[in-house]
Amino acid sequence: QVQVVESGGGLVQPGGSLRLSCVASGGIFGIRGMGWYRQAPGKQRDLVATIASDYTTSYADSVKGRFTISRDNAKKTVYLQATSLNADDTAVYYCNAIPPNVLYPWGQGTQVTVSS
């Protein structure tokens, strides 16, 4: 079954950190760029970080310097280390290939809530 499963979200205080994981099954993982997306309530789903097959990374300005994306092709897993979290980071986080919803359907995502 071709799918992605995200995990690692939760409730965290402002300034805290989380490590999100995304395990892919099916598809040809290693040759595709992968990305983390997020969707806050009432807002569109935005791309926040990408990692290419050659491990080149890119970040949205809103998370640059605070988030780090990485991948382990042997485990078919993509990670997002999120630090210095603030209320604006509250959202459901999804991972998918670049472009999304072609190689893998959208998963259920993982909720990140930043609140004191």
C-alpha atoms as a PDB file:
ATOM      1  CA  GLN A   1       0.000   0.000   0.000  1.00  0.00           C
ATOM      2  CA  VAL A   2       1.390   3.377  -1.011  1.00  0.00           C
ATOM      3  CA  GLN A   3       1.107   5.761   1.903  1.00  0.00           C
ATOM      4  CA  VAL A   4       2.843   8.099   4.312  1.00  0.00           C
ATOM      5  CA  VAL A   5       2.278   8.068   8.068  1.00  0.00           C
ATOM      6  CA  GLU A   6       3.223  11.090  10.158  1.00  0.00           C
ATOM      7  CA  SER A   7       3.883  11.042  13.905  1.00  0.00           C
ATOM      8  CA  GLY A   8       5.575  12.968  16.685  1.00  0.00           C
ATOM      9  CA  GLY A   9       3.231  15.893  17.145  1.00  0.00           C
ATOM     10  CA  GLY A  10       1.818  17.033  20.451  1.00  0.00           C
ATOM     11  CA  LEU A  11       1.338  19.900  22.855  1.00  0.00           C
ATOM     12  CA  VAL A  12       4.452  21.923  23.531  1.00  0.00           C
ATOM     13  CA  GLN A  13       5.133  25.168  25.351  1.00  0.00           C
ATOM     14  CA  PRO A  14       6.409  28.239  23.482  1.00  0.00           C
ATOM     15  CA  GLY A  15      10.129  27.894  22.956  1.00  0.00           C
ATOM     16  CA  GLY A  16       9.930  24.118  23.017  1.00  0.00           C
ATOM     17  CA  SER A  17      10.933  21.523  20.442  1.00  0.00           C
ATOM     18  CA  LEU A  18       9.470  18.529  18.678  1.00  0.00           C
ATOM     19  CA  ARG A  19      10.748  15.952  16.226  1.00  0.00           C
ATOM     20  CA  LEU A  20       8.258  14.844  13.616  1.00  0.00           C
ATOM     21  CA  SER A  21       8.650  11.631  11.646  1.00  0.00           C
ATOM     22  CA  CYS A  22       7.127  10.460   8.403  1.00  0.00           C
ATOM     23  CA  VAL A  23       7.396   6.855   7.265  1.00  0.00           C
ATOM     24  CA  ALA A  24       6.628   6.105   3.632  1.00  0.00           C
ATOM     25  CA  SER A  25       5.622   2.769   2.208  1.00  0.00           C
ATOM     26  CA  GLY A  26       5.466   1.823  -1.431  1.00  0.00           C
ATOM     27  CA  GLY A  27       6.674   4.102  -4.182  1.00  0.00           C
ATOM     28  CA  ILE A  28      10.286   4.799  -5.074  1.00  0.00           C
ATOM     29  CA  PHE A  29      11.292   6.853  -2.059  1.00  0.00           C
ATOM     30  CA  GLY A  30      14.976   7.559  -2.553  1.00  0.00           C
ATOM     31  CA  ILE A  31      14.754   9.358  -5.880  1.00  0.00           C
ATOM     32  CA  ARG A  32      11.996  11.795  -4.941  1.00  0.00           C
ATOM     33  CA  GLY A  33      12.179  15.100  -3.178  1.00  0.00           C
ATOM     34  CA  MET A  34      10.133  15.121   0.000  1.00  0.00           C
ATOM     35  CA  GLY A  35       8.557  17.937   1.942  1.00  0.00           C
ATOM     36  CA  TRP A  36       6.824  18.859   5.150  1.00  0.00           C
ATOM     37  CA  TYR A  37       3.638  20.893   4.830  1.00  0.00           C
ATOM     38  CA  ARG A  38       1.405  22.413   7.464  1.00  0.00           C
ATOM     39  CA  GLN A  39      -2.147  23.647   7.669  1.00  0.00           C
ATOM     40  CA  ALA A  40      -3.439  25.899  10.406  1.00  0.00           C
ATOM     41  CA  PRO A  41      -7.190  26.182  11.081  1.00  0.00           C
ATOM     42  CA  GLY A  42      -8.904  28.208   8.388  1.00  0.00           C
ATOM     43  CA  LYS A  43      -5.735  28.540   6.320  1.00  0.00           C
ATOM     44  CA  GLN A  44      -4.321  26.868   3.243  1.00  0.00           C
ATOM     45  CA  ARG A  45      -1.772  24.079   3.399  1.00  0.00           C
ATOM     46  CA  ASP A  46       1.724  25.530   3.024  1.00  0.00           C
ATOM     47  CA  LEU A  47       5.076  23.964   2.243  1.00  0.00           C
ATOM     48  CA  VAL A  48       7.551  24.633   5.048  1.00  0.00           C
ATOM     49  CA  ALA A  49      10.589  22.484   4.253  1.00  0.00           C
ATOM     50  CA  THR A  50      11.907  20.325   1.441  1.00  0.00           C
ATOM     51  CA  ILE A  51      14.738  17.849   1.002  1.00  0.00           C
ATOM     52  CA  ALA A  52      15.824  16.704  -2.419  1.00  0.00           C
ATOM     53  CA  SER A  53      17.162  13.292  -3.394  1.00  0.00           C
ATOM     54  CA  ASP A  54      20.679  14.751  -3.106  1.00  0.00           C
ATOM     55  CA  TYR A  55      19.836  15.972   0.429  1.00  0.00           C
ATOM     56  CA  THR A  56      19.674  19.640  -0.580  1.00  0.00           C
ATOM     57  CA  THR A  57      17.251  21.412   1.737  1.00  0.00           C
ATOM     58  CA  SER A  58      15.090  24.518   1.560  1.00  0.00           C
ATOM     59  CA  TYR A  59      12.842  26.271   4.079  1.00  0.00           C
ATOM     60  CA  ALA A  60      10.031  28.763   4.214  1.00  0.00           C
ATOM     61  CA  ASP A  61      11.148  32.082   5.666  1.00  0.00           C
ATOM     62  CA  SER A  62       8.844  31.571   8.631  1.00  0.00           C
ATOM     63  CA  VAL A  63      10.777  28.504   9.841  1.00  0.00           C
ATOM     64  CA  LYS A  64      14.278  29.156   8.532  1.00  0.00           C
ATOM     65  CA  GLY A  65      16.851  28.771  11.271  1.00  0.00           C
ATOM     66  CA  ARG A  66      14.397  26.965  13.563  1.00  0.00           C
ATOM     67  CA  PHE A  67      13.377  23.833  11.634  1.00  0.00           C
ATOM     68  CA  THR A  68      15.619  21.162  10.141  1.00  0.00           C
ATOM     69  CA  ILE A  69      14.480  18.560   7.634  1.00  0.00           C
ATOM     70  CA  SER A  70      16.368  15.308   7.131  1.00  0.00           C
ATOM     71  CA  ARG A  71      15.801  11.924   5.559  1.00  0.00           C
ATOM     72  CA  ASP A  72      16.900   8.314   5.962  1.00  0.00           C
ATOM     73  CA  ASN A  73      16.359   6.534   2.665  1.00  0.00           C
ATOM     74  CA  ALA A  74      17.100   3.105   4.110  1.00  0.00           C
ATOM     75  CA  LYS A  75      14.190   3.581   6.523  1.00  0.00           C
ATOM     76  CA  LYS A  76      12.032   5.483   4.011  1.00  0.00           C
ATOM     77  CA  THR A  77      11.636   8.149   6.672  1.00  0.00           C
ATOM     78  CA  VAL A  78      11.666  11.943   6.638  1.00  0.00           C
ATOM     79  CA  TYR A  79      12.159  13.948   9.828  1.00  0.00           C
ATOM     80  CA  LEU A  80      11.407  17.508  10.847  1.00  0.00           C
ATOM     81  CA  GLN A  81      13.214  18.847  13.888  1.00  0.00           C
ATOM     82  CA  ALA A  82      11.267  21.900  15.023  1.00  0.00           C
ATOM     83  CA  THR A  83      12.788  24.192  17.649  1.00  0.00           C
ATOM     84  CA  SER A  84      11.931  27.562  19.207  1.00  0.00           C
ATOM     85  CA  LEU A  85       8.284  26.841  18.541  1.00  0.00           C
ATOM     86  CA  ASN A  86       5.726  29.619  18.840  1.00  0.00           C
ATOM     87  CA  ALA A  87       1.951  29.903  18.553  1.00  0.00           C
ATOM     88  CA  ASP A  88       2.180  30.577  14.818  1.00  0.00           C
ATOM     89  CA  ASP A  89       3.590  27.070  14.366  1.00  0.00           C
ATOM     90  CA  THR A  90       0.360  25.506  15.610  1.00  0.00           C
ATOM     91  CA  ALA A  91      -0.997  23.411  12.735  1.00  0.00           C
ATOM     92  CA  VAL A  92      -1.467  19.926  11.391  1.00  0.00           C
ATOM     93  CA  TYR A  93       1.821  18.846   9.818  1.00  0.00           C
ATOM     94  CA  TYR A  94       1.889  16.593   6.766  1.00  0.00           C
ATOM     95  CA  CYS A  95       4.665  15.095   4.730  1.00  0.00           C
ATOM     96  CA  ASN A  96       4.503  14.220   1.056  1.00  0.00           C
ATOM     97  CA  ALA A  97       6.589  14.026  -2.060  1.00  0.00           C
ATOM     98  CA  ILE A  98       7.349  16.995  -4.282  1.00  0.00           C
ATOM     99  CA  PRO A  99       4.898  17.621  -5.930  1.00  0.00           C
ATOM    100  CA  PRO A 100       2.411  16.401  -3.345  1.00  0.00           C
ATOM    101  CA  ASN A 101      -0.481  13.959  -3.669  1.00  0.00           C
ATOM    102  CA  VAL A 102       0.944  12.305  -6.783  1.00  0.00           C
ATOM    103  CA  LEU A 103       3.313   9.574  -5.587  1.00  0.00           C
ATOM    104  CA  TYR A 104       1.666   9.374  -2.151  1.00  0.00           C
ATOM    105  CA  PRO A 105      -1.857  10.333  -1.095  1.00  0.00           C
ATOM    106  CA  TRP A 106      -2.102  12.770   1.777  1.00  0.00           C
ATOM    107  CA  GLY A 107      -1.778  11.117   5.171  1.00  0.00           C
ATOM    108  CA  GLN A 108      -3.677  12.031   8.293  1.00  0.00           C
ATOM    109  CA  GLY A 109      -0.971  14.392   9.479  1.00  0.00           C
ATOM    110  CA  THR A 110       0.188  15.034  13.025  1.00  0.00           C
ATOM    111  CA  GLN A 111      -1.125  17.865  15.187  1.00  0.00           C
ATOM    112  CA  VAL A 112       1.335  20.335  16.681  1.00  0.00           C
ATOM    113  CA  THR A 113      -0.070  22.709  19.279  1.00  0.00           C
ATOM    114  CA  VAL A 114       2.110  25.395  20.826  1.00  0.00           C
ATOM    115  CA  SER A 115       0.552  26.799  23.952  1.00  0.00           C
ATOM    116  CA  SER A 116       1.383  27.609  27.549  1.00  0.00           C
END
